[in-house]
Amino acid sequence: MRSLFFGICYLNKEEKMAFEVEKKLALTESELKKLTEGAEFLGSETFCDLYFDYPDYRLTCGDIWLRERARAHRTTPQVKFPIRSGGRTNLSDQYQEIEGENEVLEALGFESLGESNFQGKLR
């Protein structure tokens, strides 16, 4: 068995938010070969996430993911909320993603930072 992760992301740069659908699959070698036959490798990205939550894990239990994502030359605060459609929550596969210090804090109900430190504001 090999794991395969794929995601589709729609990014609205003007509103600084993205809508993301992601799936993680466990595939046999023959399933992986069949699925990737004729596919083109487009690239890869390496990043490191630092997650934040309260001691009672209320964000995680609510399927809300607050993190700082560190890429090669920048660190970006992000929060992911499940997309609710028709009164139904699509848990663990469709999310609205918001990026940027002030945008994330406002989405969580905090005041904007101005020039302050993101992690300091969360403490």
PDB file of N, CA and C in Angstrom:
ATOM      1  N   MET A   1       0.834  -1.192   0.000  1.00  0.00           N
ATOM      2  CA  MET A   1       0.000   0.000   0.000  1.00  0.00           C
ATOM      3  C   MET A   1       0.878   1.254   0.000  1.00  0.00           C
ATOM      4  N   ARG A   2       0.478   2.224  -0.814  1.00  0.00           N
ATOM      5  CA  ARG A   2       1.131   3.528  -0.839  1.00  0.00           C
ATOM      6  C   ARG A   2       0.057   4.576  -0.640  1.00  0.00           C
ATOM      7  N   SER A   3       0.436   5.663  -0.022  1.00  0.00           N
ATOM      8  CA  SER A   3      -0.505   6.759   0.183  1.00  0.00           C
ATOM      9  C   SER A   3      -0.395   7.757  -0.948  1.00  0.00           C
ATOM     10  N   LEU A   4      -1.520   8.292  -1.341  1.00  0.00           N
ATOM     11  CA  LEU A   4      -1.564   9.324  -2.362  1.00  0.00           C
ATOM     12  C   LEU A   4      -2.395  10.468  -1.818  1.00  0.00           C
ATOM     13  N   PHE A   5      -1.889  11.651  -1.943  1.00  0.00           N
ATOM     14  CA  PHE A   5      -2.605  12.845  -1.523  1.00  0.00           C
ATOM     15  C   PHE A   5      -2.800  13.729  -2.736  1.00  0.00           C
ATOM     16  N   PHE A   6      -3.998  14.204  -2.932  1.00  0.00           N
ATOM     17  CA  PHE A   6      -4.207  15.184  -3.985  1.00  0.00           C
ATOM     18  C   PHE A   6      -5.188  16.226  -3.498  1.00  0.00           C
ATOM     19  N   GLY A   7      -5.069  17.395  -4.041  1.00  0.00           N
ATOM     20  CA  GLY A   7      -5.942  18.483  -3.643  1.00  0.00           C
ATOM     21  C   GLY A   7      -6.277  19.376  -4.808  1.00  0.00           C
ATOM     22  N   ILE A   8      -7.426  19.981  -4.707  1.00  0.00           N
ATOM     23  CA  ILE A   8      -7.859  20.981  -5.671  1.00  0.00           C
ATOM     24  C   ILE A   8      -8.123  22.238  -4.871  1.00  0.00           C
ATOM     25  N   CYS A   9      -7.563  23.343  -5.314  1.00  0.00           N
ATOM     26  CA  CYS A   9      -7.700  24.581  -4.552  1.00  0.00           C
ATOM     27  C   CYS A   9      -8.095  25.714  -5.488  1.00  0.00           C
ATOM     28  N   TYR A  10      -9.128  26.446  -5.103  1.00  0.00           N
ATOM     29  CA  TYR A  10      -9.521  27.649  -5.823  1.00  0.00           C
ATOM     30  C   TYR A  10      -9.100  28.823  -4.952  1.00  0.00           C
ATOM     31  N   LEU A  11      -8.243  29.672  -5.451  1.00  0.00           N
ATOM     32  CA  LEU A  11      -7.723  30.809  -4.687  1.00  0.00           C
ATOM     33  C   LEU A  11      -8.294  32.097  -5.234  1.00  0.00           C
ATOM     34  N   ASN A  12      -8.928  32.865  -4.358  1.00  0.00           N
ATOM     35  CA  ASN A  12      -9.433  34.180  -4.706  1.00  0.00           C
ATOM     36  C   ASN A  12      -8.481  35.178  -4.053  1.00  0.00           C
ATOM     37  N   LYS A  13      -7.480  35.646  -4.803  1.00  0.00           N
ATOM     38  CA  LYS A  13      -6.445  36.516  -4.241  1.00  0.00           C
ATOM     39  C   LYS A  13      -7.007  37.852  -3.774  1.00  0.00           C
ATOM     40  N   GLU A  14      -8.032  38.330  -4.435  1.00  0.00           N
ATOM     41  CA  GLU A  14      -8.620  39.614  -4.061  1.00  0.00           C
ATOM     42  C   GLU A  14      -9.203  39.566  -2.655  1.00  0.00           C
ATOM     43  N   GLU A  15      -9.845  38.450  -2.317  1.00  0.00           N
ATOM     44  CA  GLU A  15     -10.447  38.303  -0.992  1.00  0.00           C
ATOM     45  C   GLU A  15      -9.540  37.566  -0.016  1.00  0.00           C
ATOM     46  N   LYS A  16      -8.349  37.168  -0.462  1.00  0.00           N
ATOM     47  CA  LYS A  16      -7.362  36.462   0.355  1.00  0.00           C
ATOM     48  C   LYS A  16      -7.945  35.223   1.028  1.00  0.00           C
ATOM     49  N   MET A  17      -8.694  34.446   0.256  1.00  0.00           N
ATOM     50  CA  MET A  17      -9.195  33.190   0.797  1.00  0.00           C
ATOM     51  C   MET A  17      -9.195  32.144  -0.309  1.00  0.00           C
ATOM     52  N   ALA A  18      -9.220  30.889   0.098  1.00  0.00           N
ATOM     53  CA  ALA A  18      -9.230  29.785  -0.853  1.00  0.00           C
ATOM     54  C   ALA A  18     -10.277  28.774  -0.414  1.00  0.00           C
ATOM     55  N   PHE A  19     -10.786  28.061  -1.379  1.00  0.00           N
ATOM     56  CA  PHE A  19     -11.661  26.935  -1.112  1.00  0.00           C
ATOM     57  C   PHE A  19     -10.910  25.696  -1.547  1.00  0.00           C
ATOM     58  N   GLU A  20     -10.833  24.730  -0.678  1.00  0.00           N
ATOM     59  CA  GLU A  20      -9.954  23.590  -0.911  1.00  0.00           C
ATOM     60  C   GLU A  20     -10.713  22.288  -0.742  1.00  0.00           C
ATOM     61  N   VAL A  21     -10.468  21.356  -1.628  1.00  0.00           N
ATOM     62  CA  VAL A  21     -10.964  19.992  -1.503  1.00  0.00           C
ATOM     63  C   VAL A  21      -9.741  19.094  -1.551  1.00  0.00           C
ATOM     64  N   GLU A  22      -9.598  18.240  -0.560  1.00  0.00           N
ATOM     65  CA  GLU A  22      -8.440  17.362  -0.553  1.00  0.00           C
ATOM     66  C   GLU A  22      -8.856  15.958  -0.162  1.00  0.00           C
ATOM     67  N   LYS A  23      -8.127  15.005  -0.690  1.00  0.00           N
ATOM     68  CA  LYS A  23      -8.378  13.593  -0.396  1.00  0.00           C
ATOM     69  C   LYS A  23      -7.049  12.896  -0.139  1.00  0.00           C
ATOM     70  N   LYS A  24      -7.060  11.963   0.773  1.00  0.00           N
ATOM     71  CA  LYS A  24      -5.901  11.118   1.033  1.00  0.00           C
ATOM     72  C   LYS A  24      -6.370   9.679   0.816  1.00  0.00           C
ATOM     73  N   LEU A  25      -5.650   8.947  -0.017  1.00  0.00           N
ATOM     74  CA  LEU A  25      -6.039   7.591  -0.374  1.00  0.00           C
ATOM     75  C   LEU A  25      -4.916   6.610  -0.093  1.00  0.00           C
ATOM     76  N   ALA A  26      -5.258   5.409   0.303  1.00  0.00           N
ATOM     77  CA  ALA A  26      -4.291   4.324   0.418  1.00  0.00           C
ATOM     78  C   ALA A  26      -4.518   3.420  -0.780  1.00  0.00           C
ATOM     79  N   LEU A  27      -3.512   3.302  -1.632  1.00  0.00           N
ATOM     80  CA  LEU A  27      -3.639   2.563  -2.884  1.00  0.00           C
ATOM     81  C   LEU A  27      -2.638   1.428  -2.963  1.00  0.00           C
ATOM     82  N   THR A  28      -3.031   0.364  -3.643  1.00  0.00           N
ATOM     83  CA  THR A  28      -2.074  -0.687  -3.959  1.00  0.00           C
ATOM     84  C   THR A  28      -1.197  -0.173  -5.098  1.00  0.00           C
ATOM     85  N   GLU A  29      -0.097  -0.875  -5.351  1.00  0.00           N
ATOM     86  CA  GLU A  29       0.801  -0.467  -6.437  1.00  0.00           C
ATOM     87  C   GLU A  29       0.071  -0.462  -7.780  1.00  0.00           C
ATOM     88  N   SER A  30      -0.777  -1.467  -8.035  1.00  0.00           N
ATOM     89  CA  SER A  30      -1.482  -1.537  -9.327  1.00  0.00           C
ATOM     90  C   SER A  30      -2.512  -0.406  -9.441  1.00  0.00           C
ATOM     91  N   GLU A  31      -3.183  -0.047  -8.340  1.00  0.00           N
ATOM     92  CA  GLU A  31      -4.138   1.072  -8.371  1.00  0.00           C
ATOM     93  C   GLU A  31      -3.413   2.388  -8.637  1.00  0.00           C
ATOM     94  N   LEU A  32      -2.259   2.575  -7.987  1.00  0.00           N
ATOM     95  CA  LEU A  32      -1.477   3.788  -8.194  1.00  0.00           C
ATOM     96  C   LEU A  32      -1.011   3.892  -9.647  1.00  0.00           C
ATOM     97  N   LYS A  33      -0.541   2.781 -10.204  1.00  0.00           N
ATOM     98  CA  LYS A  33      -0.079   2.776 -11.599  1.00  0.00           C
ATOM     99  C   LYS A  33      -1.223   3.132 -12.545  1.00  0.00           C
ATOM    100  N   LYS A  34      -2.383   2.547 -12.331  1.00  0.00           N
ATOM    101  CA  LYS A  34      -3.548   2.816 -13.185  1.00  0.00           C
ATOM    102  C   LYS A  34      -3.992   4.272 -13.075  1.00  0.00           C
ATOM    103  N   LEU A  35      -4.004   4.798 -11.873  1.00  0.00           N
ATOM    104  CA  LEU A  35      -4.445   6.179 -11.642  1.00  0.00           C
ATOM    105  C   LEU A  35      -3.490   7.203 -12.238  1.00  0.00           C
ATOM    106  N   THR A  36      -2.189   6.920 -12.194  1.00  0.00           N
ATOM    107  CA  THR A  36      -1.199   7.906 -12.656  1.00  0.00           C
ATOM    108  C   THR A  36      -0.741   7.678 -14.088  1.00  0.00           C
ATOM    109  N   GLU A  37      -1.244   6.639 -14.731  1.00  0.00           N
ATOM    110  CA  GLU A  37      -0.863   6.351 -16.122  1.00  0.00           C
ATOM    111  C   GLU A  37      -1.236   7.533 -17.022  1.00  0.00           C
ATOM    112  N   GLY A  38      -0.245   8.053 -17.739  1.00  0.00           N
ATOM    113  CA  GLY A  38      -0.470   9.187 -18.630  1.00  0.00           C
ATOM    114  C   GLY A  38      -0.472  10.536 -17.928  1.00  0.00           C
ATOM    115  N   ALA A  39      -0.310  10.542 -16.613  1.00  0.00           N
ATOM    116  CA  ALA A  39      -0.292  11.800 -15.852  1.00  0.00           C
ATOM    117  C   ALA A  39       1.065  12.476 -15.978  1.00  0.00           C
ATOM    118  N   GLU A  40       1.088  13.769 -15.778  1.00  0.00           N
ATOM    119  CA  GLU A  40       2.320  14.545 -15.838  1.00  0.00           C
ATOM    120  C   GLU A  40       2.634  15.098 -14.451  1.00  0.00           C
ATOM    121  N   PHE A  41       3.853  14.874 -13.965  1.00  0.00           N
ATOM    122  CA  PHE A  41       4.273  15.423 -12.688  1.00  0.00           C
ATOM    123  C   PHE A  41       4.498  16.919 -12.849  1.00  0.00           C
ATOM    124  N   LEU A  42       3.785  17.730 -12.057  1.00  0.00           N
ATOM    125  CA  LEU A  42       3.871  19.182 -12.187  1.00  0.00           C
ATOM    126  C   LEU A  42       4.820  19.828 -11.195  1.00  0.00           C
ATOM    127  N   GLY A  43       5.165  19.141 -10.128  1.00  0.00           N
ATOM    128  CA  GLY A  43       6.088  19.709  -9.161  1.00  0.00           C
ATOM    129  C   GLY A  43       5.717  19.316  -7.747  1.00  0.00           C
ATOM    130  N   SER A  44       6.524  19.760  -6.822  1.00  0.00           N
ATOM    131  CA  SER A  44       6.270  19.483  -5.409  1.00  0.00           C
ATOM    132  C   SER A  44       6.615  20.711  -4.590  1.00  0.00           C
ATOM    133  N   GLU A  45       6.103  20.730  -3.382  1.00  0.00           N
ATOM    134  CA  GLU A  45       6.350  21.840  -2.465  1.00  0.00           C
ATOM    135  C   GLU A  45       6.583  21.259  -1.078  1.00  0.00           C
ATOM    136  N   THR A  46       7.559  21.787  -0.379  1.00  0.00           N
ATOM    137  CA  THR A  46       7.837  21.372   0.986  1.00  0.00           C
ATOM    138  C   THR A  46       7.470  22.512   1.922  1.00  0.00           C
ATOM    139  N   PHE A  47       6.762  22.168   2.997  1.00  0.00           N
ATOM    140  CA  PHE A  47       6.391  23.179   3.981  1.00  0.00           C
ATOM    141  C   PHE A  47       6.299  22.522   5.353  1.00  0.00           C
ATOM    142  N   CYS A  48       6.275  23.352   6.368  1.00  0.00           N
ATOM    143  CA  CYS A  48       6.169  22.892   7.750  1.00  0.00           C
ATOM    144  C   CYS A  48       5.043  23.669   8.423  1.00  0.00           C
ATOM    145  N   ASP A  49       4.108  22.967   9.049  1.00  0.00           N
ATOM    146  CA  ASP A  49       2.974  23.609   9.713  1.00  0.00           C
ATOM    147  C   ASP A  49       3.132  23.557  11.223  1.00  0.00           C
ATOM    148  N   LEU A  50       2.814  24.675  11.880  1.00  0.00           N
ATOM    149  CA  LEU A  50       2.761  24.763  13.334  1.00  0.00           C
ATOM    150  C   LEU A  50       1.314  25.053  13.691  1.00  0.00           C
ATOM    151  N   TYR A  51       0.643  24.123  14.375  1.00  0.00           N
ATOM    152  CA  TYR A  51      -0.779  24.255  14.691  1.00  0.00           C
ATOM    153  C   TYR A  51      -0.986  24.845  16.081  1.00  0.00           C
ATOM    154  N   PHE A  52      -2.088  25.570  16.230  1.00  0.00           N
ATOM    155  CA  PHE A  52      -2.460  26.203  17.494  1.00  0.00           C
ATOM    156  C   PHE A  52      -3.857  25.736  17.896  1.00  0.00           C
ATOM    157  N   ASP A  53      -4.084  25.601  19.210  1.00  0.00           N
ATOM    158  CA  ASP A  53      -5.409  25.268  19.726  1.00  0.00           C
ATOM    159  C   ASP A  53      -5.463  25.637  21.203  1.00  0.00           C
ATOM    160  N   TYR A  54      -6.630  25.577  21.774  1.00  0.00           N
ATOM    161  CA  TYR A  54      -6.824  25.791  23.205  1.00  0.00           C
ATOM    162  C   TYR A  54      -6.505  24.491  23.937  1.00  0.00           C
ATOM    163  N   PRO A  55      -6.268  24.552  25.264  1.00  0.00           N
ATOM    164  CA  PRO A  55      -5.990  23.319  26.015  1.00  0.00           C
ATOM    165  C   PRO A  55      -7.109  22.274  25.912  1.00  0.00           C
ATOM    166  N   ASP A  56      -8.362  22.721  25.705  1.00  0.00           N
ATOM    167  CA  ASP A  56      -9.476  21.766  25.597  1.00  0.00           C
ATOM    168  C   ASP A  56      -9.729  21.305  24.156  1.00  0.00           C
ATOM    169  N   TYR A  57      -8.869  21.716  23.214  1.00  0.00           N
ATOM    170  CA  TYR A  57      -8.925  21.301  21.803  1.00  0.00           C
ATOM    171  C   TYR A  57     -10.228  21.687  21.106  1.00  0.00           C
ATOM    172  N   ARG A  58     -10.798  22.827  21.481  1.00  0.00           N
ATOM    173  CA  ARG A  58     -12.088  23.214  20.888  1.00  0.00           C
ATOM    174  C   ARG A  58     -12.001  23.493  19.387  1.00  0.00           C
ATOM    175  N   LEU A  59     -10.865  23.977  18.911  1.00  0.00           N
ATOM    176  CA  LEU A  59     -10.739  24.207  17.469  1.00  0.00           C
ATOM    177  C   LEU A  59     -10.675  22.880  16.713  1.00  0.00           C
ATOM    178  N   THR A  60      -9.793  22.004  17.145  1.00  0.00           N
ATOM    179  CA  THR A  60      -9.641  20.703  16.493  1.00  0.00           C
ATOM    180  C   THR A  60     -10.952  19.919  16.529  1.00  0.00           C
ATOM    181  N   CYS A  61     -11.622  19.903  17.666  1.00  0.00           N
ATOM    182  CA  CYS A  61     -12.898  19.180  17.778  1.00  0.00           C
ATOM    183  C   CYS A  61     -13.975  19.802  16.891  1.00  0.00           C
ATOM    184  N   GLY A  62     -13.849  21.091  16.582  1.00  0.00           N
ATOM    185  CA  GLY A  62     -14.779  21.763  15.692  1.00  0.00           C
ATOM    186  C   GLY A  62     -14.345  21.721  14.239  1.00  0.00           C
ATOM    187  N   ASP A  63     -13.308  20.941  13.936  1.00  0.00           N
ATOM    188  CA  ASP A  63     -12.756  20.811  12.579  1.00  0.00           C
ATOM    189  C   ASP A  63     -12.264  22.152  12.040  1.00  0.00           C
ATOM    190  N   ILE A  64     -11.685  22.958  12.941  1.00  0.00           N
ATOM    191  CA  ILE A  64     -11.090  24.246  12.577  1.00  0.00           C
ATOM    192  C   ILE A  64      -9.588  24.106  12.770  1.00  0.00           C
ATOM    193  N   TRP A  65      -8.824  24.489  11.746  1.00  0.00           N
ATOM    194  CA  TRP A  65      -7.377  24.268  11.743  1.00  0.00           C
ATOM    195  C   TRP A  65      -6.659  25.608  11.659  1.00  0.00           C
ATOM    196  N   LEU A  66      -6.083  26.020  12.780  1.00  0.00           N
ATOM    197  CA  LEU A  66      -5.344  27.279  12.885  1.00  0.00           C
ATOM    198  C   LEU A  66      -3.860  26.941  12.864  1.00  0.00           C
ATOM    199  N   ARG A  67      -3.137  27.526  11.913  1.00  0.00           N
ATOM    200  CA  ARG A  67      -1.733  27.161  11.772  1.00  0.00           C
ATOM    201  C   ARG A  67      -0.924  28.308  11.191  1.00  0.00           C
ATOM    202  N   GLU A  68       0.399  28.166  11.343  1.00  0.00           N
ATOM    203  CA  GLU A  68       1.360  28.972  10.590  1.00  0.00           C
ATOM    204  C   GLU A  68       2.051  28.012   9.637  1.00  0.00           C
ATOM    205  N   ARG A  69       2.005  28.325   8.348  1.00  0.00           N
ATOM    206  CA  ARG A  69       2.650  27.480   7.336  1.00  0.00           C
ATOM    207  C   ARG A  69       3.951  28.138   6.916  1.00  0.00           C
ATOM    208  N   ALA A  70       5.063  27.435   7.144  1.00  0.00           N
ATOM    209  CA  ALA A  70       6.389  27.927   6.777  1.00  0.00           C
ATOM    210  C   ALA A  70       6.807  27.278   5.472  1.00  0.00           C
ATOM    211  N   ARG A  71       7.034  28.133   4.467  1.00  0.00           N
ATOM    212  CA  ARG A  71       7.561  27.696   3.174  1.00  0.00           C
ATOM    213  C   ARG A  71       8.991  28.201   3.084  1.00  0.00           C
ATOM    214  N   ALA A  72       9.623  28.008   1.958  1.00  0.00           N
ATOM    215  CA  ALA A  72      11.033  28.350   1.781  1.00  0.00           C
ATOM    216  C   ALA A  72      11.394  29.738   2.296  1.00  0.00           C
ATOM    217  N   HIS A  73      10.659  30.767   1.904  1.00  0.00           N
ATOM    218  CA  HIS A  73      11.074  32.132   2.260  1.00  0.00           C
ATOM    219  C   HIS A  73       9.996  32.944   2.969  1.00  0.00           C
ATOM    220  N   ARG A  74       8.946  32.287   3.447  1.00  0.00           N
ATOM    221  CA  ARG A  74       7.907  33.051   4.128  1.00  0.00           C
ATOM    222  C   ARG A  74       7.092  32.154   5.049  1.00  0.00           C
ATOM    223  N   THR A  75       6.490  32.781   6.035  1.00  0.00           N
ATOM    224  CA  THR A  75       5.583  32.107   6.961  1.00  0.00           C
ATOM    225  C   THR A  75       4.239  32.813   6.878  1.00  0.00           C
ATOM    226  N   THR A  76       3.170  32.023   6.720  1.00  0.00           N
ATOM    227  CA  THR A  76       1.843  32.591   6.534  1.00  0.00           C
ATOM    228  C   THR A  76       0.861  32.011   7.541  1.00  0.00           C
ATOM    229  N   PRO A  77       0.200  32.859   8.341  1.00  0.00           N
ATOM    230  CA  PRO A  77      -0.875  32.364   9.203  1.00  0.00           C
ATOM    231  C   PRO A  77      -2.070  31.944   8.343  1.00  0.00           C
ATOM    232  N   GLN A  78      -2.708  30.833   8.717  1.00  0.00           N
ATOM    233  CA  GLN A  78      -3.863  30.328   7.987  1.00  0.00           C
ATOM    234  C   GLN A  78      -4.874  29.741   8.957  1.00  0.00           C
ATOM    235  N   VAL A  79      -6.143  29.794   8.559  1.00  0.00           N
ATOM    236  CA  VAL A  79      -7.189  29.068   9.281  1.00  0.00           C
ATOM    237  C   VAL A  79      -8.072  28.404   8.241  1.00  0.00           C
ATOM    238  N   LYS A  80      -8.478  27.162   8.537  1.00  0.00           N
ATOM    239  CA  LYS A  80      -9.341  26.408   7.635  1.00  0.00           C
ATOM    240  C   LYS A  80     -10.628  26.060   8.378  1.00  0.00           C
ATOM    241  N   PHE A  81     -11.766  26.384   7.754  1.00  0.00           N
ATOM    242  CA  PHE A  81     -13.086  26.072   8.290  1.00  0.00           C
ATOM    243  C   PHE A  81     -13.775  25.093   7.342  1.00  0.00           C
ATOM    244  N   PRO A  82     -14.553  24.131   7.870  1.00  0.00           N
ATOM    245  CA  PRO A  82     -15.305  23.268   6.953  1.00  0.00           C
ATOM    246  C   PRO A  82     -16.375  24.080   6.224  1.00  0.00           C
ATOM    247  N   ILE A  83     -16.591  23.746   4.960  1.00  0.00           N
ATOM    248  CA  ILE A  83     -17.626  24.420   4.176  1.00  0.00           C
ATOM    249  C   ILE A  83     -18.971  23.811   4.540  1.00  0.00           C
ATOM    250  N   ARG A  84     -19.905  24.685   4.854  1.00  0.00           N
ATOM    251  CA  ARG A  84     -21.256  24.236   5.196  1.00  0.00           C
ATOM    252  C   ARG A  84     -22.166  24.517   4.012  1.00  0.00           C
ATOM    253  N   SER A  85     -22.906  23.509   3.615  1.00  0.00           N
ATOM    254  CA  SER A  85     -23.762  23.633   2.445  1.00  0.00           C
ATOM    255  C   SER A  85     -25.142  23.070   2.770  1.00  0.00           C
ATOM    256  N   GLY A  86     -26.172  23.893   2.631  1.00  0.00           N
ATOM    257  CA  GLY A  86     -27.532  23.425   2.889  1.00  0.00           C
ATOM    258  C   GLY A  86     -27.736  22.926   4.300  1.00  0.00           C
ATOM    259  N   GLY A  87     -27.080  23.574   5.280  1.00  0.00           N
ATOM    260  CA  GLY A  87     -27.193  23.163   6.674  1.00  0.00           C
ATOM    261  C   GLY A  87     -26.356  21.952   7.024  1.00  0.00           C
ATOM    262  N   ARG A  88     -25.618  21.418   6.060  1.00  0.00           N
ATOM    263  CA  ARG A  88     -24.793  20.234   6.266  1.00  0.00           C
ATOM    264  C   ARG A  88     -23.317  20.616   6.190  1.00  0.00           C
ATOM    265  N   THR A  89     -22.538  20.094   7.107  1.00  0.00           N
ATOM    266  CA  THR A  89     -21.096  20.325   7.090  1.00  0.00           C
ATOM    267  C   THR A  89     -20.411  19.157   6.402  1.00  0.00           C
ATOM    268  N   ASN A  90     -19.568  19.471   5.443  1.00  0.00           N
ATOM    269  CA  ASN A  90     -18.799  18.440   4.743  1.00  0.00           C
ATOM    270  C   ASN A  90     -17.490  18.235   5.494  1.00  0.00           C
ATOM    271  N   LEU A  91     -17.560  17.525   6.597  1.00  0.00           N
ATOM    272  CA  LEU A  91     -16.406  17.361   7.460  1.00  0.00           C
ATOM    273  C   LEU A  91     -15.251  16.686   6.747  1.00  0.00           C
ATOM    274  N   SER A  92     -14.098  17.221   6.967  1.00  0.00           N
ATOM    275  CA  SER A  92     -12.795  16.682   6.590  1.00  0.00           C
ATOM    276  C   SER A  92     -12.524  16.542   5.101  1.00  0.00           C
ATOM    277  N   ASP A  93     -13.310  17.187   4.213  1.00  0.00           N
ATOM    278  CA  ASP A  93     -12.862  17.159   2.831  1.00  0.00           C
ATOM    279  C   ASP A  93     -13.098  18.441   2.053  1.00  0.00           C
ATOM    280  N   GLN A  94     -13.891  19.362   2.542  1.00  0.00           N
ATOM    281  CA  GLN A  94     -14.066  20.639   1.860  1.00  0.00           C
ATOM    282  C   GLN A  94     -13.918  21.762   2.882  1.00  0.00           C
ATOM    283  N   TYR A  95     -12.981  22.670   2.597  1.00  0.00           N
ATOM    284  CA  TYR A  95     -12.664  23.731   3.552  1.00  0.00           C
ATOM    285  C   TYR A  95     -12.588  25.087   2.870  1.00  0.00           C
ATOM    286  N   GLN A  96     -12.904  26.109   3.651  1.00  0.00           N
ATOM    287  CA  GLN A  96     -12.598  27.481   3.258  1.00  0.00           C
ATOM    288  C   GLN A  96     -11.311  27.831   3.983  1.00  0.00           C
ATOM    289  N   GLU A  97     -10.332  28.316   3.250  1.00  0.00           N
ATOM    290  CA  GLU A  97      -9.036  28.641   3.834  1.00  0.00           C
ATOM    291  C   GLU A  97      -8.811  30.140   3.758  1.00  0.00           C
ATOM    292  N   ILE A  98      -8.433  30.738   4.890  1.00  0.00           N
ATOM    293  CA  ILE A  98      -8.184  32.175   4.970  1.00  0.00           C
ATOM    294  C   ILE A  98      -6.733  32.374   5.355  1.00  0.00           C
ATOM    295  N   GLU A  99      -6.049  33.282   4.664  1.00  0.00           N
ATOM    296  CA  GLU A  99      -4.637  33.550   4.910  1.00  0.00           C
ATOM    297  C   GLU A  99      -4.416  35.002   5.281  1.00  0.00           C
ATOM    298  N   GLY A 100      -3.324  35.244   6.012  1.00  0.00           N
ATOM    299  CA  GLY A 100      -2.926  36.589   6.413  1.00  0.00           C
ATOM    300  C   GLY A 100      -3.255  36.837   7.873  1.00  0.00           C
ATOM    301  N   GLU A 101      -2.360  37.524   8.567  1.00  0.00           N
ATOM    302  CA  GLU A 101      -2.515  37.727  10.011  1.00  0.00           C
ATOM    303  C   GLU A 101      -3.851  38.356  10.372  1.00  0.00           C
ATOM    304  N   ASN A 102      -4.140  39.518   9.823  1.00  0.00           N
ATOM    305  CA  ASN A 102      -5.377  40.217  10.196  1.00  0.00           C
ATOM    306  C   ASN A 102      -6.617  39.457   9.761  1.00  0.00           C
ATOM    307  N   GLU A 103      -6.598  38.872   8.564  1.00  0.00           N
ATOM    308  CA  GLU A 103      -7.745  38.124   8.059  1.00  0.00           C
ATOM    309  C   GLU A 103      -8.053  36.914   8.947  1.00  0.00           C
ATOM    310  N   VAL A 104      -7.012  36.198   9.372  1.00  0.00           N
ATOM    311  CA  VAL A 104      -7.196  35.027  10.234  1.00  0.00           C
ATOM    312  C   VAL A 104      -7.747  35.447  11.590  1.00  0.00           C
ATOM    313  N   LEU A 105      -7.153  36.475  12.186  1.00  0.00           N
ATOM    314  CA  LEU A 105      -7.629  36.927  13.496  1.00  0.00           C
ATOM    315  C   LEU A 105      -9.071  37.411  13.434  1.00  0.00           C
ATOM    316  N   GLU A 106      -9.432  38.146  12.387  1.00  0.00           N
ATOM    317  CA  GLU A 106     -10.811  38.615  12.243  1.00  0.00           C
ATOM    318  C   GLU A 106     -11.769  37.445  12.052  1.00  0.00           C
ATOM    319  N   ALA A 107     -11.368  36.429  11.289  1.00  0.00           N
ATOM    320  CA  ALA A 107     -12.214  35.256  11.076  1.00  0.00           C
ATOM    321  C   ALA A 107     -12.468  34.509  12.385  1.00  0.00           C
ATOM    322  N   LEU A 108     -11.514  34.597  13.311  1.00  0.00           N
ATOM    323  CA  LEU A 108     -11.650  33.943  14.615  1.00  0.00           C
ATOM    324  C   LEU A 108     -12.279  34.843  15.670  1.00  0.00           C
ATOM    325  N   GLY A 109     -12.615  36.080  15.282  1.00  0.00           N
ATOM    326  CA  GLY A 109     -13.272  36.994  16.218  1.00  0.00           C
ATOM    327  C   GLY A 109     -12.344  37.833  17.064  1.00  0.00           C
ATOM    328  N   PHE A 110     -11.051  37.911  16.701  1.00  0.00           N
ATOM    329  CA  PHE A 110     -10.091  38.757  17.405  1.00  0.00           C
ATOM    330  C   PHE A 110      -9.952  40.091  16.684  1.00  0.00           C
ATOM    331  N   GLU A 111      -9.362  41.059  17.355  1.00  0.00           N
ATOM    332  CA  GLU A 111      -9.061  42.340  16.715  1.00  0.00           C
ATOM    333  C   GLU A 111      -7.852  42.178  15.797  1.00  0.00           C
ATOM    334  N   SER A 112      -7.733  43.086  14.842  1.00  0.00           N
ATOM    335  CA  SER A 112      -6.576  43.081  13.937  1.00  0.00           C
ATOM    336  C   SER A 112      -5.302  43.349  14.714  1.00  0.00           C
ATOM    337  N   LEU A 113      -4.195  42.937  14.150  1.00  0.00           N
ATOM    338  CA  LEU A 113      -2.891  43.062  14.800  1.00  0.00           C
ATOM    339  C   LEU A 113      -2.256  44.430  14.694  1.00  0.00           C
ATOM    340  N   GLY A 114      -2.461  45.083  13.580  1.00  0.00           N
ATOM    341  CA  GLY A 114      -1.628  46.251  13.297  1.00  0.00           C
ATOM    342  C   GLY A 114      -0.240  45.732  12.977  1.00  0.00           C
ATOM    343  N   GLU A 115       0.747  46.100  13.763  1.00  0.00           N
ATOM    344  CA  GLU A 115       2.129  45.672  13.522  1.00  0.00           C
ATOM    345  C   GLU A 115       2.599  44.627  14.525  1.00  0.00           C
ATOM    346  N   SER A 116       1.684  44.008  15.273  1.00  0.00           N
ATOM    347  CA  SER A 116       2.069  43.076  16.336  1.00  0.00           C
ATOM    348  C   SER A 116       2.473  41.705  15.818  1.00  0.00           C
ATOM    349  N   ASN A 117       2.755  40.810  16.761  1.00  0.00           N
ATOM    350  CA  ASN A 117       3.188  39.456  16.487  1.00  0.00           C
ATOM    351  C   ASN A 117       1.996  38.505  16.503  1.00  0.00           C
ATOM    352  N   PHE A 118       1.839  37.687  15.451  1.00  0.00           N
ATOM    353  CA  PHE A 118       0.694  36.776  15.327  1.00  0.00           C
ATOM    354  C   PHE A 118       0.620  35.805  16.507  1.00  0.00           C
ATOM    355  N   GLN A 119       1.713  35.118  16.801  1.00  0.00           N
ATOM    356  CA  GLN A 119       1.698  34.145  17.888  1.00  0.00           C
ATOM    357  C   GLN A 119       1.436  34.808  19.231  1.00  0.00           C
ATOM    358  N   GLY A 120       1.979  36.001  19.431  1.00  0.00           N
ATOM    359  CA  GLY A 120       1.746  36.727  20.672  1.00  0.00           C
ATOM    360  C   GLY A 120       0.280  37.074  20.860  1.00  0.00           C
ATOM    361  N   LYS A 121      -0.411  37.407  19.799  1.00  0.00           N
ATOM    362  CA  LYS A 121      -1.828  37.741  19.869  1.00  0.00           C
ATOM    363  C   LYS A 121      -2.665  36.533  20.270  1.00  0.00           C
ATOM    364  N   LEU A 122      -2.241  35.340  19.883  1.00  0.00           N
ATOM    365  CA  LEU A 122      -2.988  34.141  20.179  1.00  0.00           C
ATOM    366  C   LEU A 122      -2.839  33.679  21.619  1.00  0.00           C
ATOM    367  N   ARG A 123      -1.815  34.128  22.293  1.00  0.00           N
ATOM    368  CA  ARG A 123      -1.563  33.672  23.684  1.00  0.00           C
ATOM    369  C   ARG A 123      -2.450  34.345  24.677  1.00  0.00           C
TER     370      ARG A 123
END
